[in-house]
Amino acid sequence: MVGQEKKEVKEEKLKLEEKYMWAIVDGVKEKVGNFRVEPPGLFRGRGEHPKMGKLKKRIYPRDIPINIGKDAPIQECPIPGQRYMVLRWENDMIIEMTFFVEDQTHNSESCPVRNM
């Protein structure tokens, strides 16, 4: 690819991802830290990680809980025929989501969300 073609592809990709890059939190537009999901593959880890070499499963939209405001419009799933796991409005959901996604990724049974 020539430099101009790369630039056009990058601009097109940025335009498609723009709606996922921002969130309105308490009336203020904030940039989202990471909206991507890791692809399936071997877990590499860092150093002597006990899960090193284990297979990471594919994460589907049905595995991802969405925490939105009471009056916020519901985001459509970008994959046809799929939908997000749960749509909720909870102020303390961030901690639960972290444990849930970690549980889904590492296949452990220590998820506090499941044990509730």
PDB file of N, CA and C in Angstrom:
ATOM      1  N   MET A   1       0.829  -1.187   0.000  1.00  0.00           N
ATOM      2  CA  MET A   1       0.000   0.000   0.000  1.00  0.00           C
ATOM      3  C   MET A   1       0.868   1.242   0.000  1.00  0.00           C
ATOM      4  N   VAL A   2       0.400   2.203  -0.713  1.00  0.00           N
ATOM      5  CA  VAL A   2       1.086   3.487  -0.772  1.00  0.00           C
ATOM      6  C   VAL A   2       0.624   4.319   0.425  1.00  0.00           C
ATOM      7  N   GLY A   3       1.416   5.294   0.803  1.00  0.00           N
ATOM      8  CA  GLY A   3       1.114   6.134   1.955  1.00  0.00           C
ATOM      9  C   GLY A   3      -0.275   6.763   1.901  1.00  0.00           C
ATOM     10  N   GLN A   4      -0.696   7.210   0.729  1.00  0.00           N
ATOM     11  CA  GLN A   4      -2.013   7.837   0.582  1.00  0.00           C
ATOM     12  C   GLN A   4      -3.121   6.807   0.834  1.00  0.00           C
ATOM     13  N   GLU A   5      -2.951   5.580   0.334  1.00  0.00           N
ATOM     14  CA  GLU A   5      -3.951   4.529   0.537  1.00  0.00           C
ATOM     15  C   GLU A   5      -4.062   4.173   2.023  1.00  0.00           C
ATOM     16  N   LYS A   6      -2.927   4.091   2.702  1.00  0.00           N
ATOM     17  CA  LYS A   6      -2.932   3.794   4.138  1.00  0.00           C
ATOM     18  C   LYS A   6      -3.687   4.874   4.911  1.00  0.00           C
ATOM     19  N   LYS A   7      -3.454   6.121   4.527  1.00  0.00           N
ATOM     20  CA  LYS A   7      -4.108   7.240   5.197  1.00  0.00           C
ATOM     21  C   LYS A   7      -5.618   7.179   4.993  1.00  0.00           C
ATOM     22  N   GLU A   8      -6.064   6.845   3.782  1.00  0.00           N
ATOM     23  CA  GLU A   8      -7.493   6.737   3.492  1.00  0.00           C
ATOM     24  C   GLU A   8      -8.125   5.596   4.292  1.00  0.00           C
ATOM     25  N   VAL A   9      -7.444   4.456   4.371  1.00  0.00           N
ATOM     26  CA  VAL A   9      -7.955   3.312   5.130  1.00  0.00           C
ATOM     27  C   VAL A   9      -8.058   3.668   6.607  1.00  0.00           C
ATOM     28  N   LYS A  10      -7.051   4.361   7.132  1.00  0.00           N
ATOM     29  CA  LYS A  10      -7.055   4.763   8.538  1.00  0.00           C
ATOM     30  C   LYS A  10      -8.204   5.724   8.827  1.00  0.00           C
ATOM     31  N   GLU A  11      -8.443   6.690   7.937  1.00  0.00           N
ATOM     32  CA  GLU A  11      -9.537   7.642   8.120  1.00  0.00           C
ATOM     33  C   GLU A  11     -10.891   6.940   8.068  1.00  0.00           C
ATOM     34  N   GLU A  12     -11.048   5.976   7.172  1.00  0.00           N
ATOM     35  CA  GLU A  12     -12.301   5.231   7.071  1.00  0.00           C
ATOM     36  C   GLU A  12     -12.540   4.400   8.332  1.00  0.00           C
ATOM     37  N   LYS A  13     -11.492   3.771   8.840  1.00  0.00           N
ATOM     38  CA  LYS A  13     -11.597   2.980  10.071  1.00  0.00           C
ATOM     39  C   LYS A  13     -11.972   3.877  11.243  1.00  0.00           C
ATOM     40  N   LEU A  14     -11.349   5.042  11.334  1.00  0.00           N
ATOM     41  CA  LEU A  14     -11.642   5.996  12.400  1.00  0.00           C
ATOM     42  C   LEU A  14     -13.092   6.470  12.333  1.00  0.00           C
ATOM     43  N   LYS A  15     -13.589   6.695  11.121  1.00  0.00           N
ATOM     44  CA  LYS A  15     -14.974   7.128  10.950  1.00  0.00           C
ATOM     45  C   LYS A  15     -15.951   6.049  11.433  1.00  0.00           C
ATOM     46  N   LEU A  16     -15.667   4.777  11.152  1.00  0.00           N
ATOM     47  CA  LEU A  16     -16.525   3.679  11.589  1.00  0.00           C
ATOM     48  C   LEU A  16     -16.503   3.504  13.111  1.00  0.00           C
ATOM     49  N   GLU A  17     -15.356   3.743  13.744  1.00  0.00           N
ATOM     50  CA  GLU A  17     -15.198   3.536  15.180  1.00  0.00           C
ATOM     51  C   GLU A  17     -15.586   4.751  16.017  1.00  0.00           C
ATOM     52  N   GLU A  18     -15.848   5.875  15.393  1.00  0.00           N
ATOM     53  CA  GLU A  18     -16.101   7.125  16.105  1.00  0.00           C
ATOM     54  C   GLU A  18     -17.233   7.003  17.122  1.00  0.00           C
ATOM     55  N   LYS A  19     -18.311   6.297  16.780  1.00  0.00           N
ATOM     56  CA  LYS A  19     -19.446   6.234  17.707  1.00  0.00           C
ATOM     57  C   LYS A  19     -19.156   5.381  18.937  1.00  0.00           C
ATOM     58  N   TYR A  20     -18.128   4.551  18.893  1.00  0.00           N
ATOM     59  CA  TYR A  20     -17.761   3.724  20.045  1.00  0.00           C
ATOM     60  C   TYR A  20     -16.678   4.363  20.912  1.00  0.00           C
ATOM     61  N   MET A  21     -16.090   5.461  20.452  1.00  0.00           N
ATOM     62  CA  MET A  21     -14.958   6.069  21.138  1.00  0.00           C
ATOM     63  C   MET A  21     -15.352   7.050  22.235  1.00  0.00           C
ATOM     64  N   TRP A  22     -16.622   7.431  22.306  1.00  0.00           N
ATOM     65  CA  TRP A  22     -17.044   8.461  23.247  1.00  0.00           C
ATOM     66  C   TRP A  22     -18.255   8.007  24.042  1.00  0.00           C
ATOM     67  N   ALA A  23     -18.331   8.451  25.296  1.00  0.00           N
ATOM     68  CA  ALA A  23     -19.478   8.184  26.165  1.00  0.00           C
ATOM     69  C   ALA A  23     -19.824   9.466  26.904  1.00  0.00           C
ATOM     70  N   ILE A  24     -21.085   9.639  27.214  1.00  0.00           N
ATOM     71  CA  ILE A  24     -21.506  10.800  27.995  1.00  0.00           C
ATOM     72  C   ILE A  24     -21.702  10.322  29.426  1.00  0.00           C
ATOM     73  N   VAL A  25     -20.862  10.832  30.320  1.00  0.00           N
ATOM     74  CA  VAL A  25     -20.890  10.462  31.734  1.00  0.00           C
ATOM     75  C   VAL A  25     -21.248  11.701  32.535  1.00  0.00           C
ATOM     76  N   ASP A  26     -22.372  11.657  33.229  1.00  0.00           N
ATOM     77  CA  ASP A  26     -22.859  12.788  34.023  1.00  0.00           C
ATOM     78  C   ASP A  26     -22.921  14.070  33.189  1.00  0.00           C
ATOM     79  N   GLY A  27     -23.346  13.938  31.938  1.00  0.00           N
ATOM     80  CA  GLY A  27     -23.514  15.083  31.062  1.00  0.00           C
ATOM     81  C   GLY A  27     -22.235  15.586  30.415  1.00  0.00           C
ATOM     82  N   VAL A  28     -21.119  14.904  30.634  1.00  0.00           N
ATOM     83  CA  VAL A  28     -19.835  15.318  30.065  1.00  0.00           C
ATOM     84  C   VAL A  28     -19.369  14.259  29.069  1.00  0.00           C
ATOM     85  N   LYS A  29     -18.937  14.685  27.893  1.00  0.00           N
ATOM     86  CA  LYS A  29     -18.445  13.764  26.879  1.00  0.00           C
ATOM     87  C   LYS A  29     -17.042  13.289  27.258  1.00  0.00           C
ATOM     88  N   GLU A  30     -16.900  11.981  27.466  1.00  0.00           N
ATOM     89  CA  GLU A  30     -15.629  11.397  27.886  1.00  0.00           C
ATOM     90  C   GLU A  30     -15.153  10.403  26.838  1.00  0.00           C
ATOM     91  N   LYS A  31     -13.861  10.330  26.637  1.00  0.00           N
ATOM     92  CA  LYS A  31     -13.298   9.347  25.711  1.00  0.00           C
ATOM     93  C   LYS A  31     -13.251   7.989  26.411  1.00  0.00           C
ATOM     94  N   VAL A  32     -13.695   6.951  25.724  1.00  0.00           N
ATOM     95  CA  VAL A  32     -13.700   5.598  26.265  1.00  0.00           C
ATOM     96  C   VAL A  32     -12.288   5.043  26.176  1.00  0.00           C
ATOM     97  N   GLY A  33     -11.825   4.422  27.257  1.00  0.00           N
ATOM     98  CA  GLY A  33     -10.468   3.901  27.295  1.00  0.00           C
ATOM     99  C   GLY A  33     -10.219   2.786  26.296  1.00  0.00           C
ATOM    100  N   ASN A  34     -11.076   1.778  26.302  1.00  0.00           N
ATOM    101  CA  ASN A  34     -10.905   0.660  25.388  1.00  0.00           C
ATOM    102  C   ASN A  34     -12.268   0.063  25.094  1.00  0.00           C
ATOM    103  N   PHE A  35     -12.623   0.006  23.844  1.00  0.00           N
ATOM    104  CA  PHE A  35     -13.913  -0.545  23.464  1.00  0.00           C
ATOM    105  C   PHE A  35     -13.753  -1.811  22.630  1.00  0.00           C
ATOM    106  N   ARG A  36     -12.556  -2.284  22.501  1.00  0.00           N
ATOM    107  CA  ARG A  36     -12.299  -3.494  21.712  1.00  0.00           C
ATOM    108  C   ARG A  36     -12.214  -4.719  22.619  1.00  0.00           C
ATOM    109  N   VAL A  37     -12.481  -5.880  22.031  1.00  0.00           N
ATOM    110  CA  VAL A  37     -12.389  -7.152  22.743  1.00  0.00           C
ATOM    111  C   VAL A  37     -11.249  -7.934  22.104  1.00  0.00           C
ATOM    112  N   GLU A  38     -10.443  -8.575  22.945  1.00  0.00           N
ATOM    113  CA  GLU A  38      -9.313  -9.346  22.420  1.00  0.00           C
ATOM    114  C   GLU A  38      -9.805 -10.520  21.600  1.00  0.00           C
ATOM    115  N   PRO A  39      -9.122 -10.835  20.511  1.00  0.00           N
ATOM    116  CA  PRO A  39      -9.515 -11.991  19.700  1.00  0.00           C
ATOM    117  C   PRO A  39      -9.145 -13.296  20.405  1.00  0.00           C
ATOM    118  N   PRO A  40      -9.773 -14.407  19.993  1.00  0.00           N
ATOM    119  CA  PRO A  40      -9.412 -15.689  20.598  1.00  0.00           C
ATOM    120  C   PRO A  40      -7.984 -16.065  20.214  1.00  0.00           C
ATOM    121  N   GLY A  41      -7.365 -16.878  21.024  1.00  0.00           N
ATOM    122  CA  GLY A  41      -5.997 -17.313  20.752  1.00  0.00           C
ATOM    123  C   GLY A  41      -5.357 -17.808  22.026  1.00  0.00           C
ATOM    124  N   LEU A  42      -4.075 -18.038  21.968  1.00  0.00           N
ATOM    125  CA  LEU A  42      -3.358 -18.495  23.153  1.00  0.00           C
ATOM    126  C   LEU A  42      -3.109 -17.331  24.098  1.00  0.00           C
ATOM    127  N   PHE A  43      -3.339 -17.576  25.384  1.00  0.00           N
ATOM    128  CA  PHE A  43      -3.063 -16.559  26.394  1.00  0.00           C
ATOM    129  C   PHE A  43      -1.562 -16.529  26.621  1.00  0.00           C
ATOM    130  N   ARG A  44      -0.960 -15.365  26.464  1.00  0.00           N
ATOM    131  CA  ARG A  44       0.489 -15.253  26.613  1.00  0.00           C
ATOM    132  C   ARG A  44       0.898 -14.850  28.006  1.00  0.00           C
ATOM    133  N   GLY A  45       0.179 -13.890  28.599  1.00  0.00           N
ATOM    134  CA  GLY A  45       0.527 -13.438  29.936  1.00  0.00           C
ATOM    135  C   GLY A  45       1.871 -12.743  29.970  1.00  0.00           C
ATOM    136  N   ARG A  46       2.319 -12.440  31.172  1.00  0.00           N
ATOM    137  CA  ARG A  46       3.635 -11.812  31.363  1.00  0.00           C
ATOM    138  C   ARG A  46       4.350 -12.577  32.462  1.00  0.00           C
ATOM    139  N   GLY A  47       5.559 -12.919  32.225  1.00  0.00           N
ATOM    140  CA  GLY A  47       6.325 -13.655  33.229  1.00  0.00           C
ATOM    141  C   GLY A  47       5.804 -15.080  33.385  1.00  0.00           C
ATOM    142  N   GLU A  48       5.805 -15.579  34.605  1.00  0.00           N
ATOM    143  CA  GLU A  48       5.356 -16.945  34.901  1.00  0.00           C
ATOM    144  C   GLU A  48       3.868 -16.940  35.257  1.00  0.00           C
ATOM    145  N   HIS A  49       3.026 -16.695  34.293  1.00  0.00           N
ATOM    146  CA  HIS A  49       1.586 -16.652  34.538  1.00  0.00           C
ATOM    147  C   HIS A  49       1.015 -18.065  34.499  1.00  0.00           C
ATOM    148  N   PRO A  50       0.173 -18.438  35.478  1.00  0.00           N
ATOM    149  CA  PRO A  50      -0.353 -19.806  35.521  1.00  0.00           C
ATOM    150  C   PRO A  50      -1.262 -20.148  34.340  1.00  0.00           C
ATOM    151  N   LYS A  51      -1.836 -19.163  33.683  1.00  0.00           N
ATOM    152  CA  LYS A  51      -2.732 -19.419  32.546  1.00  0.00           C
ATOM    153  C   LYS A  51      -1.998 -19.380  31.205  1.00  0.00           C
ATOM    154  N   MET A  52      -0.689 -19.216  31.219  1.00  0.00           N
ATOM    155  CA  MET A  52       0.070 -19.119  29.987  1.00  0.00           C
ATOM    156  C   MET A  52      -0.130 -20.373  29.137  1.00  0.00           C
ATOM    157  N   GLY A  53      -0.413 -20.168  27.855  1.00  0.00           N
ATOM    158  CA  GLY A  53      -0.609 -21.274  26.935  1.00  0.00           C
ATOM    159  C   GLY A  53      -2.042 -21.774  26.863  1.00  0.00           C
ATOM    160  N   LYS A  54      -2.924 -21.278  27.732  1.00  0.00           N
ATOM    161  CA  LYS A  54      -4.338 -21.680  27.691  1.00  0.00           C
ATOM    162  C   LYS A  54      -5.024 -20.974  26.523  1.00  0.00           C
ATOM    163  N   LEU A  55      -6.070 -21.570  26.033  1.00  0.00           N
ATOM    164  CA  LEU A  55      -6.806 -21.005  24.913  1.00  0.00           C
ATOM    165  C   LEU A  55      -7.840 -19.997  25.407  1.00  0.00           C
ATOM    166  N   LYS A  56      -7.808 -18.780  24.846  1.00  0.00           N
ATOM    167  CA  LYS A  56      -8.819 -17.769  25.143  1.00  0.00           C
ATOM    168  C   LYS A  56      -9.976 -17.997  24.181  1.00  0.00           C
ATOM    169  N   LYS A  57     -11.188 -18.086  24.737  1.00  0.00           N
ATOM    170  CA  LYS A  57     -12.364 -18.300  23.908  1.00  0.00           C
ATOM    171  C   LYS A  57     -12.805 -16.994  23.259  1.00  0.00           C
ATOM    172  N   ARG A  58     -13.566 -17.118  22.180  1.00  0.00           N
ATOM    173  CA  ARG A  58     -14.116 -15.938  21.509  1.00  0.00           C
ATOM    174  C   ARG A  58     -15.178 -15.317  22.407  1.00  0.00           C
ATOM    175  N   ILE A  59     -15.175 -13.997  22.507  1.00  0.00           N
ATOM    176  CA  ILE A  59     -16.165 -13.256  23.276  1.00  0.00           C
ATOM    177  C   ILE A  59     -17.209 -12.737  22.288  1.00  0.00           C
ATOM    178  N   TYR A  60     -18.468 -13.055  22.542  1.00  0.00           N
ATOM    179  CA  TYR A  60     -19.572 -12.613  21.702  1.00  0.00           C
ATOM    180  C   TYR A  60     -20.309 -11.466  22.399  1.00  0.00           C
ATOM    181  N   PRO A  61     -21.124 -10.707  21.664  1.00  0.00           N
ATOM    182  CA  PRO A  61     -21.888  -9.639  22.305  1.00  0.00           C
ATOM    183  C   PRO A  61     -22.750 -10.142  23.457  1.00  0.00           C
ATOM    184  N   ARG A  62     -23.241 -11.361  23.384  1.00  0.00           N
ATOM    185  CA  ARG A  62     -24.072 -11.907  24.475  1.00  0.00           C
ATOM    186  C   ARG A  62     -23.271 -12.101  25.755  1.00  0.00           C
ATOM    187  N   ASP A  63     -21.940 -12.026  25.696  1.00  0.00           N
ATOM    188  CA  ASP A  63     -21.075 -12.148  26.864  1.00  0.00           C
ATOM    189  C   ASP A  63     -20.757 -10.798  27.505  1.00  0.00           C
ATOM    190  N   ILE A  64     -21.189  -9.706  26.888  1.00  0.00           N
ATOM    191  CA  ILE A  64     -20.783  -8.369  27.325  1.00  0.00           C
ATOM    192  C   ILE A  64     -21.962  -7.626  27.942  1.00  0.00           C
ATOM    193  N   PRO A  65     -21.903  -7.334  29.256  1.00  0.00           N
ATOM    194  CA  PRO A  65     -22.961  -6.529  29.861  1.00  0.00           C
ATOM    195  C   PRO A  65     -22.753  -5.053  29.534  1.00  0.00           C
ATOM    196  N   ILE A  66     -23.835  -4.347  29.302  1.00  0.00           N
ATOM    197  CA  ILE A  66     -23.784  -2.927  28.988  1.00  0.00           C
ATOM    198  C   ILE A  66     -24.442  -2.169  30.137  1.00  0.00           C
ATOM    199  N   ASN A  67     -23.741  -1.202  30.701  1.00  0.00           N
ATOM    200  CA  ASN A  67     -24.264  -0.371  31.782  1.00  0.00           C
ATOM    201  C   ASN A  67     -24.539   1.015  31.209  1.00  0.00           C
ATOM    202  N   ILE A  68     -25.826   1.351  31.060  1.00  0.00           N
ATOM    203  CA  ILE A  68     -26.194   2.640  30.474  1.00  0.00           C
ATOM    204  C   ILE A  68     -27.129   3.381  31.421  1.00  0.00           C
ATOM    205  N   GLY A  69     -27.329   4.655  31.167  1.00  0.00           N
ATOM    206  CA  GLY A  69     -28.230   5.463  31.969  1.00  0.00           C
ATOM    207  C   GLY A  69     -29.682   5.073  31.764  1.00  0.00           C
ATOM    208  N   LYS A  70     -30.531   5.465  32.700  1.00  0.00           N
ATOM    209  CA  LYS A  70     -31.951   5.110  32.621  1.00  0.00           C
ATOM    210  C   LYS A  70     -32.604   5.617  31.339  1.00  0.00           C
ATOM    211  N   ASP A  71     -32.259   6.819  30.923  1.00  0.00           N
ATOM    212  CA  ASP A  71     -32.896   7.434  29.763  1.00  0.00           C
ATOM    213  C   ASP A  71     -32.057   7.341  28.493  1.00  0.00           C
ATOM    214  N   ALA A  72     -30.938   6.645  28.538  1.00  0.00           N
ATOM    215  CA  ALA A  72     -30.046   6.553  27.378  1.00  0.00           C
ATOM    216  C   ALA A  72     -30.642   5.634  26.321  1.00  0.00           C
ATOM    217  N   PRO A  73     -30.434   5.965  25.048  1.00  0.00           N
ATOM    218  CA  PRO A  73     -30.917   5.066  23.995  1.00  0.00           C
ATOM    219  C   PRO A  73     -30.106   3.770  24.001  1.00  0.00           C
ATOM    220  N   ILE A  74     -30.756   2.672  23.698  1.00  0.00           N
ATOM    221  CA  ILE A  74     -30.082   1.374  23.693  1.00  0.00           C
ATOM    222  C   ILE A  74     -29.268   1.233  22.416  1.00  0.00           C
ATOM    223  N   GLN A  75     -27.996   0.920  22.581  1.00  0.00           N
ATOM    224  CA  GLN A  75     -27.081   0.758  21.456  1.00  0.00           C
ATOM    225  C   GLN A  75     -27.391  -0.538  20.718  1.00  0.00           C
ATOM    226  N   GLU A  76     -27.528  -0.466  19.421  1.00  0.00           N
ATOM    227  CA  GLU A  76     -27.747  -1.667  18.621  1.00  0.00           C
ATOM    228  C   GLU A  76     -26.442  -2.448  18.516  1.00  0.00           C
ATOM    229  N   CYS A  77     -26.548  -3.749  18.524  1.00  0.00           N
ATOM    230  CA  CYS A  77     -25.368  -4.596  18.364  1.00  0.00           C
ATOM    231  C   CYS A  77     -24.923  -4.537  16.907  1.00  0.00           C
ATOM    232  N   PRO A  78     -23.632  -4.334  16.640  1.00  0.00           N
ATOM    233  CA  PRO A  78     -23.171  -4.206  15.258  1.00  0.00           C
ATOM    234  C   PRO A  78     -23.145  -5.522  14.487  1.00  0.00           C
ATOM    235  N   ILE A  79     -23.300  -6.641  15.170  1.00  0.00           N
ATOM    236  CA  ILE A  79     -23.279  -7.946  14.501  1.00  0.00           C
ATOM    237  C   ILE A  79     -24.717  -8.404  14.277  1.00  0.00           C
ATOM    238  N   PRO A  80     -25.128  -8.617  13.037  1.00  0.00           N
ATOM    239  CA  PRO A  80     -26.509  -9.034  12.771  1.00  0.00           C
ATOM    240  C   PRO A  80     -26.840 -10.361  13.465  1.00  0.00           C
ATOM    241  N   GLY A  81     -28.033 -10.427  14.063  1.00  0.00           N
ATOM    242  CA  GLY A  81     -28.475 -11.640  14.732  1.00  0.00           C
ATOM    243  C   GLY A  81     -27.956 -11.799  16.150  1.00  0.00           C
ATOM    244  N   GLN A  82     -27.144 -10.866  16.638  1.00  0.00           N
ATOM    245  CA  GLN A  82     -26.600 -10.923  18.001  1.00  0.00           C
ATOM    246  C   GLN A  82     -27.186  -9.787  18.827  1.00  0.00           C
ATOM    247  N   ARG A  83     -27.118  -9.918  20.152  1.00  0.00           N
ATOM    248  CA  ARG A  83     -27.506  -8.846  21.053  1.00  0.00           C
ATOM    249  C   ARG A  83     -26.651  -8.918  22.301  1.00  0.00           C
ATOM    250  N   TYR A  84     -26.563  -7.788  23.015  1.00  0.00           N
ATOM    251  CA  TYR A  84     -25.750  -7.744  24.213  1.00  0.00           C
ATOM    252  C   TYR A  84     -26.402  -8.526  25.341  1.00  0.00           C
ATOM    253  N   MET A  85     -25.587  -9.014  26.283  1.00  0.00           N
ATOM    254  CA  MET A  85     -26.060  -9.859  27.362  1.00  0.00           C
ATOM    255  C   MET A  85     -27.119  -9.171  28.210  1.00  0.00           C
ATOM    256  N   VAL A  86     -26.771  -8.052  28.822  1.00  0.00           N
ATOM    257  CA  VAL A  86     -27.647  -7.370  29.765  1.00  0.00           C
ATOM    258  C   VAL A  86     -27.506  -5.872  29.556  1.00  0.00           C
ATOM    259  N   LEU A  87     -28.604  -5.184  29.641  1.00  0.00           N
ATOM    260  CA  LEU A  87     -28.573  -3.728  29.651  1.00  0.00           C
ATOM    261  C   LEU A  87     -29.097  -3.305  31.010  1.00  0.00           C
ATOM    262  N   ARG A  88     -28.267  -2.605  31.793  1.00  0.00           N
ATOM    263  CA  ARG A  88     -28.638  -2.214  33.146  1.00  0.00           C
ATOM    264  C   ARG A  88     -28.273  -0.766  33.404  1.00  0.00           C
ATOM    265  N   TRP A  89     -28.813  -0.273  34.495  1.00  0.00           N
ATOM    266  CA  TRP A  89     -28.410   1.023  35.014  1.00  0.00           C
ATOM    267  C   TRP A  89     -28.036   0.806  36.470  1.00  0.00           C
ATOM    268  N   GLU A  90     -26.734   0.712  36.727  1.00  0.00           N
ATOM    269  CA  GLU A  90     -26.231   0.524  38.086  1.00  0.00           C
ATOM    270  C   GLU A  90     -24.962   1.347  38.252  1.00  0.00           C
ATOM    271  N   ASN A  91     -24.871   2.064  39.352  1.00  0.00           N
ATOM    272  CA  ASN A  91     -23.691   2.886  39.592  1.00  0.00           C
ATOM    273  C   ASN A  91     -22.476   2.052  39.969  1.00  0.00           C
ATOM    274  N   ASP A  92     -22.666   0.872  40.570  1.00  0.00           N
ATOM    275  CA  ASP A  92     -21.538   0.055  41.014  1.00  0.00           C
ATOM    276  C   ASP A  92     -21.269  -1.108  40.079  1.00  0.00           C
ATOM    277  N   MET A  93     -21.705  -1.023  38.850  1.00  0.00           N
ATOM    278  CA  MET A  93     -21.579  -2.121  37.882  1.00  0.00           C
ATOM    279  C   MET A  93     -20.143  -2.334  37.416  1.00  0.00           C
ATOM    280  N   ILE A  94     -19.304  -1.305  37.465  1.00  0.00           N
ATOM    281  CA  ILE A  94     -17.954  -1.409  36.915  1.00  0.00           C
ATOM    282  C   ILE A  94     -17.179  -2.544  37.569  1.00  0.00           C
ATOM    283  N   ILE A  95     -17.258  -2.676  38.865  1.00  0.00           N
ATOM    284  CA  ILE A  95     -16.546  -3.746  39.566  1.00  0.00           C
ATOM    285  C   ILE A  95     -17.083  -5.096  39.132  1.00  0.00           C
ATOM    286  N   GLU A  96     -18.399  -5.243  39.038  1.00  0.00           N
ATOM    287  CA  GLU A  96     -18.994  -6.502  38.619  1.00  0.00           C
ATOM    288  C   GLU A  96     -18.582  -6.849  37.203  1.00  0.00           C
ATOM    289  N   MET A  97     -18.567  -5.863  36.305  1.00  0.00           N
ATOM    290  CA  MET A  97     -18.200  -6.133  34.918  1.00  0.00           C
ATOM    291  C   MET A  97     -16.766  -6.619  34.833  1.00  0.00           C
ATOM    292  N   THR A  98     -15.877  -6.044  35.612  1.00  0.00           N
ATOM    293  CA  THR A  98     -14.478  -6.450  35.578  1.00  0.00           C
ATOM    294  C   THR A  98     -14.350  -7.914  35.950  1.00  0.00           C
ATOM    295  N   PHE A  99     -15.008  -8.324  37.021  1.00  0.00           N
ATOM    296  CA  PHE A  99     -14.939  -9.717  37.435  1.00  0.00           C
ATOM    297  C   PHE A  99     -15.618 -10.633  36.432  1.00  0.00           C
ATOM    298  N   PHE A 100     -16.745 -10.203  35.858  1.00  0.00           N
ATOM    299  CA  PHE A 100     -17.467 -11.041  34.925  1.00  0.00           C
ATOM    300  C   PHE A 100     -16.648 -11.289  33.674  1.00  0.00           C
ATOM    301  N   VAL A 101     -16.080 -10.233  33.094  1.00  0.00           N
ATOM    302  CA  VAL A 101     -15.300 -10.389  31.876  1.00  0.00           C
ATOM    303  C   VAL A 101     -14.065 -11.236  32.161  1.00  0.00           C
ATOM    304  N   GLU A 102     -13.431 -11.032  33.313  1.00  0.00           N
ATOM    305  CA  GLU A 102     -12.277 -11.844  33.669  1.00  0.00           C
ATOM    306  C   GLU A 102     -12.689 -13.301  33.793  1.00  0.00           C
ATOM    307  N   ASP A 103     -13.843 -13.555  34.393  1.00  0.00           N
ATOM    308  CA  ASP A 103     -14.331 -14.920  34.547  1.00  0.00           C
ATOM    309  C   ASP A 103     -14.578 -15.544  33.185  1.00  0.00           C
ATOM    310  N   GLN A 104     -15.185 -14.811  32.266  1.00  0.00           N
ATOM    311  CA  GLN A 104     -15.448 -15.343  30.938  1.00  0.00           C
ATOM    312  C   GLN A 104     -14.146 -15.630  30.196  1.00  0.00           C
ATOM    313  N   THR A 105     -13.155 -14.783  30.394  1.00  0.00           N
ATOM    314  CA  THR A 105     -11.890 -14.937  29.694  1.00  0.00           C
ATOM    315  C   THR A 105     -11.072 -16.098  30.235  1.00  0.00           C
ATOM    316  N   HIS A 106     -11.058 -16.255  31.555  1.00  0.00           N
ATOM    317  CA  HIS A 106     -10.184 -17.245  32.163  1.00  0.00           C
ATOM    318  C   HIS A 106     -10.910 -18.525  32.581  1.00  0.00           C
ATOM    319  N   ASN A 107     -12.222 -18.598  32.355  1.00  0.00           N
ATOM    320  CA  ASN A 107     -13.013 -19.802  32.643  1.00  0.00           C
ATOM    321  C   ASN A 107     -12.913 -20.258  34.087  1.00  0.00           C
ATOM    322  N   SER A 108     -12.917 -19.338  35.036  1.00  0.00           N
ATOM    323  CA  SER A 108     -12.885 -19.727  36.445  1.00  0.00           C
ATOM    324  C   SER A 108     -14.284 -19.629  37.025  1.00  0.00           C
ATOM    325  N   GLU A 109     -14.509 -20.216  38.151  1.00  0.00           N
ATOM    326  CA  GLU A 109     -15.821 -20.195  38.783  1.00  0.00           C
ATOM    327  C   GLU A 109     -15.863 -19.213  39.957  1.00  0.00           C
ATOM    328  N   SER A 110     -14.921 -18.297  40.028  1.00  0.00           N
ATOM    329  CA  SER A 110     -14.844 -17.378  41.175  1.00  0.00           C
ATOM    330  C   SER A 110     -15.529 -16.048  40.908  1.00  0.00           C
ATOM    331  N   CYS A 111     -16.416 -15.976  39.947  1.00  0.00           N
ATOM    332  CA  CYS A 111     -17.059 -14.728  39.578  1.00  0.00           C
ATOM    333  C   CYS A 111     -18.116 -14.334  40.600  1.00  0.00           C
ATOM    334  N   PRO A 112     -18.011 -13.147  41.237  1.00  0.00           N
ATOM    335  CA  PRO A 112     -19.004 -12.744  42.213  1.00  0.00           C
ATOM    336  C   PRO A 112     -20.369 -12.492  41.603  1.00  0.00           C
ATOM    337  N   VAL A 113     -20.438 -12.167  40.303  1.00  0.00           N
ATOM    338  CA  VAL A 113     -21.716 -11.904  39.672  1.00  0.00           C
ATOM    339  C   VAL A 113     -22.533 -13.189  39.596  1.00  0.00           C
ATOM    340  N   ARG A 114     -21.899 -14.290  39.256  1.00  0.00           N
ATOM    341  CA  ARG A 114     -22.596 -15.570  39.153  1.00  0.00           C
ATOM    342  C   ARG A 114     -23.034 -16.082  40.500  1.00  0.00           C
ATOM    343  N   ASN A 115     -22.288 -15.757  41.546  1.00  0.00           N
ATOM    344  CA  ASN A 115     -22.587 -16.281  42.871  1.00  0.00           C
ATOM    345  C   ASN A 115     -23.631 -15.454  43.609  1.00  0.00           C
ATOM    346  N   MET A 116     -24.183 -14.433  42.987  1.00  0.00           N
ATOM    347  CA  MET A 116     -25.179 -13.578  43.648  1.00  0.00           C
ATOM    348  C   MET A 116     -26.543 -14.227  43.581  1.00  0.00           C
TER     349      MET A 116
END
